[in-house]
Amino acid sequence: MDQLFFGGWNNLLRTLIVGVLAYVVLVVFLRLSGKRTLSKMNAFDLVVTVALGSTLATVLLNKDVALAEGALAFALLIGLQFIVTWSSVRVRWVRALATGEPQMLLLRGKILSAALQHARVTEDEVRAAVRTAGLHDLEAAEAVVLETDGLFSVMQRNTGIISSSSLMGVKTADK
């Protein structure tokens, strides 16, 4: 019963020392891996982040896992993420696999119902995105795009010449 609430001073000291060292190792590895590792997260980045957190917890709390093993696990996860992100910048199918594609949800004021179903987004969420962008009417929106990081981008409709170069590569309902 004593172990349930207090495992001894040695266990606390180990957790303290390994926790500080594992944290420092993780921060150093993340800094060395570049800004991409710490950028806005898409689904792939979220998985890597959760795996890093799980590894940190395991190193902290499992006496059978040495700090060197945890550091190797950190390096492996960050290294694999670096390889995938490096490849995704150079190879389109890797990019599509790792990050997905942005999805057009509204075009020229019209909600694309098939796209909403495919993206599992409601009309209310699109309307909220339009309101958040400060637009009073769906017709005032040229486009609403669900980005690969899960955020909505809203482009305001202009009365003049419209250039949609920022919409290149956005998946539409018919693609």
Protein backbone atom coordinates (compact mmCIF):
# COMPACT_ATOMS: atom_id res chain seq x y z
CA MET A 1 0.00 0.00 0.00
CA ASP A 2 2.96 2.34 0.66
CA GLN A 3 4.03 2.07 -3.01
CA LEU A 4 0.64 3.35 -4.10
CA PHE A 5 1.27 6.89 -2.78
CA PHE A 6 5.03 7.05 -2.35
CA GLY A 7 7.57 4.82 -4.07
CA GLY A 8 10.58 6.20 -2.27
CA TRP A 9 13.02 9.05 -2.57
CA ASN A 10 15.14 7.22 -5.14
CA ASN A 11 12.17 7.00 -7.52
CA LEU A 12 11.44 10.71 -7.10
CA LEU A 13 15.10 11.60 -7.65
CA ARG A 14 15.27 9.44 -10.79
CA THR A 15 12.09 11.06 -12.17
CA LEU A 16 13.48 14.53 -11.45
CA ILE A 17 16.89 13.91 -13.04
CA VAL A 18 15.64 11.92 -16.04
CA GLY A 19 12.76 14.37 -16.54
CA VAL A 20 15.05 17.38 -16.74
CA LEU A 21 17.56 15.61 -18.98
CA ALA A 22 14.90 14.11 -21.26
CA TYR A 23 13.26 17.52 -21.60
CA VAL A 24 16.58 19.13 -22.52
CA VAL A 25 17.33 16.40 -25.06
CA LEU A 26 13.88 16.77 -26.62
CA VAL A 27 14.16 20.56 -26.87
CA VAL A 28 17.66 20.34 -28.39
CA PHE A 29 16.51 17.75 -30.95
CA LEU A 30 13.46 19.85 -31.85
CA ARG A 31 15.62 22.97 -32.30
CA LEU A 32 18.12 21.04 -34.45
CA SER A 33 15.35 19.60 -36.62
CA GLY A 34 14.26 23.05 -37.80
CA LYS A 35 11.18 25.21 -37.72
CA ARG A 36 9.06 22.77 -39.72
CA THR A 37 8.93 20.40 -36.75
CA LEU A 38 7.37 23.13 -34.61
CA SER A 39 5.05 24.64 -37.23
CA LYS A 40 1.26 24.51 -37.37
CA MET A 41 0.17 20.93 -37.23
CA ASN A 42 -1.59 18.81 -39.77
CA ALA A 43 -2.68 15.25 -38.95
CA PHE A 44 0.80 13.84 -39.63
CA ASP A 45 2.47 16.38 -37.33
CA LEU A 46 -0.10 15.70 -34.62
CA VAL A 47 0.73 11.98 -34.67
CA VAL A 48 4.45 12.72 -34.34
CA THR A 49 3.80 15.17 -31.50
CA VAL A 50 1.66 12.66 -29.61
CA ALA A 51 4.34 9.99 -30.14
CA LEU A 52 7.01 12.35 -28.77
CA GLY A 53 4.85 13.08 -25.72
CA SER A 54 4.22 9.40 -25.16
CA THR A 55 7.94 8.67 -25.44
CA LEU A 56 8.74 11.44 -22.96
CA ALA A 57 6.21 10.02 -20.49
CA THR A 58 7.63 6.53 -20.90
CA VAL A 59 11.19 7.71 -20.30
CA LEU A 60 10.06 9.68 -17.24
CA LEU A 61 7.99 7.00 -15.57
CA ASN A 62 9.29 3.62 -16.71
CA LYS A 63 12.43 2.57 -14.84
CA ASP A 64 13.14 -0.05 -17.50
CA VAL A 65 13.70 2.63 -20.18
CA ALA A 66 17.07 4.37 -19.95
CA LEU A 67 17.56 8.00 -20.93
CA ALA A 68 19.78 6.94 -23.85
CA GLU A 69 16.97 4.73 -25.20
CA GLY A 70 14.53 7.62 -24.88
CA ALA A 71 16.94 9.97 -26.65
CA LEU A 72 17.27 7.45 -29.47
CA ALA A 73 13.48 7.21 -29.70
CA PHE A 74 13.23 11.02 -29.86
CA ALA A 75 15.89 11.14 -32.57
CA LEU A 76 14.15 8.37 -34.52
CA LEU A 77 10.73 10.06 -34.44
CA ILE A 78 12.12 13.49 -35.32
CA GLY A 79 14.38 11.98 -37.99
CA LEU A 80 11.46 10.14 -39.60
CA GLN A 81 9.39 13.32 -39.53
CA PHE A 82 12.28 15.21 -41.14
CA ILE A 83 12.54 12.59 -43.91
CA VAL A 84 8.80 12.67 -44.59
CA THR A 85 8.60 16.48 -44.60
CA TRP A 86 11.75 16.76 -46.75
CA SER A 87 10.23 14.26 -49.19
CA SER A 88 6.84 15.97 -49.15
CA VAL A 89 8.40 19.21 -50.36
CA ARG A 90 9.92 17.34 -53.31
CA VAL A 91 7.45 14.57 -54.15
CA ARG A 92 3.76 15.35 -54.65
CA TRP A 93 2.39 11.90 -53.69
CA VAL A 94 4.34 11.99 -50.41
CA ARG A 95 2.88 15.45 -49.70
CA ALA A 96 -0.64 14.19 -50.43
CA LEU A 97 -0.08 11.16 -48.20
CA ALA A 98 1.45 13.09 -45.29
CA THR A 99 -0.60 16.28 -45.26
CA GLY A 100 -3.62 15.71 -47.48
CA GLU A 101 -5.03 18.41 -49.70
CA PRO A 102 -7.01 21.54 -48.94
CA GLN A 103 -10.73 21.14 -49.69
CA MET A 104 -12.98 23.80 -51.25
CA LEU A 105 -16.20 24.02 -49.21
CA LEU A 106 -17.80 27.16 -50.68
CA LEU A 107 -17.24 28.79 -54.04
CA ARG A 108 -18.64 32.15 -55.14
CA GLY A 109 -21.14 32.21 -52.29
CA LYS A 110 -22.46 28.68 -52.92
CA ILE A 111 -21.94 25.87 -50.42
CA LEU A 112 -20.58 22.70 -52.01
CA SER A 113 -22.65 20.02 -50.26
CA ALA A 114 -20.69 17.05 -51.58
CA ALA A 115 -17.45 18.64 -50.36
CA LEU A 116 -18.97 19.24 -46.92
CA GLN A 117 -19.95 15.58 -46.63
CA HIS A 118 -16.53 14.43 -47.82
CA ALA A 119 -14.75 16.71 -45.33
CA ARG A 120 -17.28 15.94 -42.55
CA VAL A 121 -18.01 19.64 -42.07
CA THR A 122 -21.41 21.20 -41.42
CA GLU A 123 -22.91 24.25 -43.10
CA ASP A 124 -22.94 25.89 -39.68
CA GLU A 125 -19.15 25.57 -39.46
CA VAL A 126 -18.76 27.20 -42.89
CA ARG A 127 -21.12 30.00 -41.87
CA ALA A 128 -19.13 30.49 -38.66
CA ALA A 129 -15.91 30.75 -40.67
CA VAL A 130 -17.49 33.38 -42.93
CA ARG A 131 -18.69 35.34 -39.88
CA THR A 132 -15.26 35.07 -38.25
CA ALA A 133 -13.78 36.59 -41.40
CA GLY A 134 -16.05 39.58 -40.86
CA LEU A 135 -18.36 38.91 -43.80
CA HIS A 136 -22.09 39.44 -43.42
CA ASP A 137 -23.27 37.12 -46.18
CA LEU A 138 -22.14 33.91 -47.86
CA GLU A 139 -22.38 35.76 -51.17
CA ALA A 140 -19.59 38.04 -49.93
CA ALA A 141 -17.24 35.05 -49.84
CA GLU A 142 -15.40 34.03 -52.99
CA ALA A 143 -14.26 30.80 -51.37
CA VAL A 144 -14.00 28.93 -48.09
CA VAL A 145 -11.26 26.32 -47.96
CA LEU A 146 -10.65 23.68 -45.30
CA GLU A 147 -6.87 23.73 -45.02
CA THR A 148 -4.68 20.71 -44.29
CA ASP A 149 -4.20 21.87 -40.70
CA GLY A 150 -7.98 21.88 -40.11
CA LEU A 151 -8.39 25.66 -40.21
CA PHE A 152 -10.79 27.48 -42.53
CA SER A 153 -9.52 30.08 -45.00
CA VAL A 154 -12.10 32.58 -46.21
CA MET A 155 -11.48 34.66 -49.30
CA GLN A 156 -13.59 37.76 -49.71
CA ARG A 157 -15.28 38.32 -53.05
CA ASN A 158 -14.13 41.45 -54.84
CA THR A 159 -16.20 43.45 -57.30
CA GLY A 160 -13.19 44.05 -59.55
CA ILE A 161 -10.96 41.55 -61.29
CA ILE A 162 -10.68 38.36 -59.31
CA SER A 163 -7.44 36.43 -59.29
CA SER A 164 -7.71 33.00 -57.77
CA SER A 165 -4.03 32.07 -57.87
CA SER A 166 -4.16 31.24 -54.15
CA LEU A 167 -6.77 28.58 -54.95
CA MET A 168 -4.46 26.62 -57.23
CA GLY A 169 -4.17 23.04 -55.98
CA VAL A 170 -7.30 23.23 -53.84
CA LYS A 171 -9.45 20.15 -54.23
CA THR A 172 -12.94 21.00 -55.45
CA ALA A 173 -16.08 18.89 -55.25
CA ASP A 174 -15.63 17.51 -58.77
CA LYS A 175 -12.03 16.32 -58.21
